[in-house]
Protein backbone atom coordinates (compact mmCIF):
# COMPACT_ATOMS: atom_id res chain seq x y z
CA UNK A 1 0.00 0.00 0.00
CA UNK A 2 1.35 3.39 -0.93
CA UNK A 3 2.01 6.01 1.75
CA UNK A 4 -0.83 8.27 0.56
CA UNK A 5 -3.31 5.35 0.63
CA UNK A 6 -2.20 4.49 4.15
CA UNK A 7 -2.76 8.08 5.27
CA UNK A 8 -6.24 8.06 3.71
CA UNK A 9 -6.96 4.71 5.34
CA UNK A 10 -5.96 6.12 8.76
CA UNK A 11 -8.29 9.09 8.27
CA UNK A 12 -11.11 6.67 7.53
CA UNK A 13 -10.19 4.56 10.58
CA UNK A 14 -10.24 7.71 12.74
CA UNK A 15 -13.66 8.74 11.43
CA UNK A 16 -15.02 5.22 11.84
CA UNK A 17 -13.69 4.94 15.41
CA UNK A 18 -15.48 8.18 16.34
CA UNK A 19 -18.67 7.13 14.53
CA UNK A 20 -18.68 3.74 16.26
CA UNK A 21 -17.89 5.02 19.75
CA UNK A 22 -20.35 7.92 19.55
CA UNK A 23 -22.99 5.96 17.60
CA UNK A 24 -23.33 8.72 15.00
CA UNK A 25 -23.18 8.92 11.21
CA UNK A 26 -19.56 9.07 10.00
CA UNK A 27 -20.56 12.15 7.95
CA UNK A 28 -20.84 14.07 11.25
CA UNK A 29 -17.18 13.45 12.06
CA UNK A 30 -14.98 16.43 11.20
CA UNK A 31 -12.06 18.27 12.81
CA UNK A 32 -14.39 20.75 14.54
CA UNK A 33 -16.37 18.09 16.39
CA UNK A 34 -15.51 18.59 20.06
CA UNK A 35 -16.16 16.87 23.38
CA UNK A 36 -19.65 17.69 24.70
CA UNK A 37 -20.51 19.56 21.46
CA UNK A 38 -23.07 16.86 20.73
CA UNK A 39 -25.08 14.89 23.32
CA UNK A 40 -23.54 11.61 22.16
CA UNK A 41 -20.00 12.65 23.15
CA UNK A 42 -20.21 12.53 26.91
CA UNK A 43 -17.79 11.08 29.46
CA UNK A 44 -18.99 7.51 28.94
CA UNK A 45 -18.69 7.75 25.15
CA UNK A 46 -15.26 9.34 25.60
CA UNK A 47 -13.96 6.19 27.26
CA UNK A 48 -15.55 4.05 24.51
CA UNK A 49 -13.82 6.31 22.00
CA UNK A 50 -10.44 5.83 23.68
CA UNK A 51 -10.89 2.04 23.57
CA UNK A 52 -12.00 2.20 19.93
CA UNK A 53 -8.97 4.32 18.94
CA UNK A 54 -6.58 2.07 20.84
CA UNK A 55 -8.02 -1.01 19.11
CA UNK A 56 -8.17 0.58 15.66
CA UNK A 57 -4.60 1.86 15.75
CA UNK A 58 -3.08 -0.84 17.98
CA UNK A 59 -1.66 1.55 20.56
CA UNK A 60 -2.06 2.50 24.20
CA UNK A 61 -2.94 6.09 25.05
CA UNK A 62 -1.71 7.55 28.31
CA UNK A 63 -3.79 9.54 30.78
CA UNK A 64 -2.60 12.91 29.46
CA UNK A 65 -3.62 11.93 25.92
CA UNK A 66 -7.06 10.81 27.13
CA UNK A 67 -7.62 14.07 28.99
CA UNK A 68 -6.28 16.21 26.11
CA UNK A 69 -8.47 14.54 23.47
CA UNK A 70 -11.04 17.31 23.21
CA UNK A 71 -11.82 17.21 19.48
CA UNK A 72 -11.35 15.15 16.34
CA UNK A 73 -8.45 17.43 15.34
CA UNK A 74 -6.80 16.93 18.73
CA UNK A 75 -7.30 13.15 18.45
CA UNK A 76 -5.47 13.23 15.10
CA UNK A 77 -2.61 15.24 16.68
CA UNK A 78 -2.32 12.72 19.51
CA UNK A 79 -2.29 9.80 17.07
CA UNK A 80 0.39 11.53 14.98
CA UNK A 81 2.46 11.86 18.17
CA UNK A 82 2.17 8.07 18.46
CA UNK A 83 3.45 7.55 14.90
CA UNK A 84 0.18 7.31 12.96
CA UNK A 85 0.41 8.98 9.53
CA UNK A 86 -2.37 11.18 8.14
CA UNK A 87 -2.62 13.02 4.83
């Protein structure tokens, strides 16, 4: 798989992880979506989201990352810090 395809695939995985954890349409997932900006993203869903991201990207997020993950854009930044490539 080419690097660009991998980056695109990771963007899709990120969107799907959010959609699955928050039980929303993937079309609602964009960089501006923030914690508590929709009723579905509450503290319980946040922990489901963390588990979904860890499973999807095969990594373990630390407490600071979990607390800092306040939006889709921030989630991408945290994943990049852990070596995940995005386009």
